[in-house]
C-alpha atoms as a PDB file:
ATOM      1  CA  MET A   1      -0.134   0.147   0.111  1.00  0.00           C
ATOM      2  CA  VAL A   2       1.326   3.421  -0.652  1.00  0.00           C
ATOM      3  CA  GLU A   3       1.988   5.854   2.234  1.00  0.00           C
ATOM      4  CA  PRO A   4       0.126   9.023   2.250  1.00  0.00           C
ATOM      5  CA  ARG A   5       2.796  11.156   2.199  1.00  0.00           C
ATOM      6  CA  GLN A   6       4.041   9.216  -1.047  1.00  0.00           C
ATOM      7  CA  SER A   7       1.079   9.822  -2.281  1.00  0.00           C
ATOM      8  CA  ALA A   8       0.905  13.459  -1.808  1.00  0.00           C
ATOM      9  CA  MET A   9       4.091  13.999  -2.875  1.00  0.00           C
ATOM     10  CA  GLN A  10       3.807  12.215  -6.251  1.00  0.00           C
ATOM     11  CA  ARG A  11       0.331  14.102  -6.728  1.00  0.00           C
ATOM     12  CA  ILE A  12       2.832  17.500  -6.395  1.00  0.00           C
ATOM     13  CA  GLN A  13       5.491  16.074  -8.722  1.00  0.00           C
ATOM     14  CA  VAL A  14       2.665  15.386 -11.411  1.00  0.00           C
ATOM     15  CA  GLY A  15       1.095  18.959 -10.924  1.00  0.00           C
ATOM     16  CA  VAL A  16       4.850  20.517 -11.484  1.00  0.00           C
ATOM     17  CA  ILE A  17       5.776  18.707 -14.580  1.00  0.00           C
ATOM     18  CA  GLY A  18       1.915  19.419 -15.985  1.00  0.00           C
ATOM     19  CA  LEU A  19       2.581  23.233 -15.149  1.00  0.00           C
ATOM     20  CA  VAL A  20       6.103  23.129 -16.900  1.00  0.00           C
ATOM     21  CA  VAL A  21       5.153  21.134 -19.903  1.00  0.00           C
ATOM     22  CA  VAL A  22       1.803  23.883 -20.233  1.00  0.00           C
ATOM     23  CA  LEU A  23       4.229  26.716 -19.847  1.00  0.00           C
ATOM     24  CA  LEU A  24       6.472  25.000 -22.639  1.00  0.00           C
ATOM     25  CA  PHE A  25       3.772  24.445 -25.101  1.00  0.00           C
ATOM     26  CA  VAL A  26       2.622  28.344 -24.589  1.00  0.00           C
ATOM     27  CA  SER A  27       6.137  29.661 -24.898  1.00  0.00           C
ATOM     28  CA  LEU A  28       6.306  27.336 -28.085  1.00  0.00           C
ATOM     29  CA  ALA A  29       2.970  28.608 -29.592  1.00  0.00           C
ATOM     30  CA  THR A  30       4.127  32.104 -28.473  1.00  0.00           C
ATOM     31  CA  MET A  31       6.969  32.124 -30.503  1.00  0.00           C
ATOM     32  CA  VAL A  32       5.248  30.614 -33.789  1.00  0.00           C
ATOM     33  CA  LEU A  33       2.557  33.075 -33.815  1.00  0.00           C
ATOM     34  CA  ASP A  34       5.256  35.905 -33.753  1.00  0.00           C
ATOM     35  CA  ARG A  35       7.204  34.456 -36.536  1.00  0.00           C
ATOM     36  CA  VAL A  36       4.323  34.019 -38.803  1.00  0.00           C
ATOM     37  CA  GLN A  37       2.938  37.629 -38.131  1.00  0.00           C
ATOM     38  CA  THR A  38       6.618  39.022 -38.768  1.00  0.00           C
ATOM     39  CA  GLY A  39       7.216  36.481 -41.542  1.00  0.00           C
ATOM     40  CA  PRO A  40       5.422  38.711 -44.486  1.00  0.00           C
ATOM     41  CA  GLU A  41       7.273  41.685 -43.710  1.00  0.00           C
ATOM     42  CA  SER A  42      10.849  40.433 -43.478  1.00  0.00           C
ATOM     43  CA  VAL A  43       9.872  38.853 -47.188  1.00  0.00           C
ATOM     44  CA  ALA A  44       8.933  42.258 -48.625  1.00  0.00           C
ATOM     45  CA  ASN A  45      12.052  43.769 -46.673  1.00  0.00           C
ATOM     46  CA  SER A  46      14.322  40.975 -48.431  1.00  0.00           C
ATOM     47  CA  ASN A  47      12.627  41.336 -51.814  1.00  0.00           C
ATOM     48  CA  GLY A  48      13.505  45.358 -51.797  1.00  0.00           C
ATOM     49  CA  THR A  49      10.245  46.477 -51.644  1.00  0.00           C
ATOM     50  CA  ALA A  50       9.089  48.573 -48.370  1.00  0.00           C
ATOM     51  CA  PRO A  51       6.187  47.624 -46.764  1.00  0.00           C
ATOM     52  CA  ASN A  52       3.137  50.385 -46.047  1.00  0.00           C
ATOM     53  CA  SER A  53       4.114  52.426 -43.726  1.00  0.00           C
ATOM     54  CA  ASP A  54       0.278  52.960 -42.506  1.00  0.00           C
ATOM     55  CA  PRO A  55      -1.083  49.312 -41.964  1.00  0.00           C
ATOM     56  CA  ALA A  56      -4.813  50.378 -42.436  1.00  0.00           C
ATOM     57  CA  THR A  57      -4.550  51.265 -45.910  1.00  0.00           C
ATOM     58  CA  PRO A  58      -4.684  48.710 -48.455  1.00  0.00           C
ATOM     59  CA  PRO A  59      -1.637  48.148 -50.889  1.00  0.00           C
ATOM     60  CA  ASP A  60      -2.461  49.822 -54.158  1.00  0.00           C
ATOM     61  CA  GLU A  61      -1.213  46.576 -56.278  1.00  0.00           C
ATOM     62  CA  PRO A  62      -1.238  44.037 -53.986  1.00  0.00           C
ATOM     63  CA  LEU A  63      -0.281  41.482 -56.709  1.00  0.00           C
ATOM     64  CA  ALA A  64       2.562  43.513 -58.079  1.00  0.00           C
ATOM     65  CA  GLU A  65       4.176  43.503 -54.450  1.00  0.00           C
ATOM     66  CA  LEU A  66       4.020  39.846 -54.724  1.00  0.00           C
ATOM     67  CA  GLY A  67       5.601  39.755 -57.796  1.00  0.00           C
ATOM     68  CA  VAL A  68       2.494  38.451 -59.867  1.00  0.00           C
ATOM     69  CA  THR A  69       0.940  39.998 -62.654  1.00  0.00           C
ATOM     70  CA  PRO A  70      -2.255  39.141 -64.378  1.00  0.00           C
ATOM     71  CA  ILE A  71      -2.555  38.471 -67.942  1.00  0.00           C
ATOM     72  CA  ALA A  72      -4.795  40.536 -70.094  1.00  0.00           C
ATOM     73  CA  LYS A  73      -6.553  38.908 -72.912  1.00  0.00           C
ATOM     74  CA  ASP A  74      -5.553  40.759 -76.098  1.00  0.00           C
ATOM     75  CA  ASP A  75      -7.712  40.721 -79.214  1.00  0.00           C
ATOM     76  CA  GLY A  76      -5.321  41.910 -81.319  1.00  0.00           C
ATOM     77  CA  ALA A  77      -2.860  39.201 -80.783  1.00  0.00           C
ATOM     78  CA  GLU A  78      -5.402  36.616 -81.562  1.00  0.00           C
ATOM     79  CA  LYS A  79      -5.880  38.279 -84.781  1.00  0.00           C
ATOM     80  CA  ALA A  80      -2.254  38.218 -85.592  1.00  0.00           C
ATOM     81  CA  LEU A  81      -2.223  34.490 -84.672  1.00  0.00           C
ATOM     82  CA  ASP A  82      -4.675  33.859 -87.113  1.00  0.00           C
ATOM     83  CA  GLU A  83      -3.710  36.109 -89.846  1.00  0.00           C
ATOM     84  CA  PRO A  84      -0.664  33.845 -90.543  1.00  0.00           C
ATOM     85  CA  ALA A  85      -2.883  30.684 -90.421  1.00  0.00           C
ATOM     86  CA  GLN A  86      -4.840  32.221 -92.880  1.00  0.00           C
ATOM     87  CA  SER A  87      -2.310  33.290 -95.486  1.00  0.00           C
ATOM     88  CA  ILE A  88      -0.913  29.714 -95.059  1.00  0.00           C
ATOM     89  CA  ARG A  89      -4.471  28.427 -96.152  1.00  0.00           C
ATOM     90  CA  GLN A  90      -4.709  30.547 -99.023  1.00  0.00           C
ATOM     91  CA  VAL A  91      -0.817  29.581-100.034  1.00  0.00           C
ATOM     92  CA  GLN A  92      -1.752  25.980 -99.602  1.00  0.00           C
ATOM     93  CA  GLY A  93      -5.183  26.648-101.703  1.00  0.00           C
ATOM     94  CA  ARG A  94      -3.081  28.157-104.753  1.00  0.00           C
ATOM     95  CA  ALA A  95      -0.458  25.188-105.012  1.00  0.00           C
ATOM     96  CA  GLN A  96      -3.287  22.846-105.088  1.00  0.00           C
END
């Protein structure tokens, strides 16, 4: 049988170890969250672009800040691609 004094000591040890583990998890989570929050700013600074001085204002061109540009559909380019195909068909038709 376990003595009451040993039982009390074991409970205290388990409680202290539990508190240390919880403190460790909270500290680790805080470090991870700090890195996540400062991550995009450090990436922007390393790319040579300055972050907005006022975080309340949205960026003017968010895609340009990320280095991505949308591709606009150009009707003139499609016509330019179709014209050589039509001229090739005409040349082939004359050859036959």
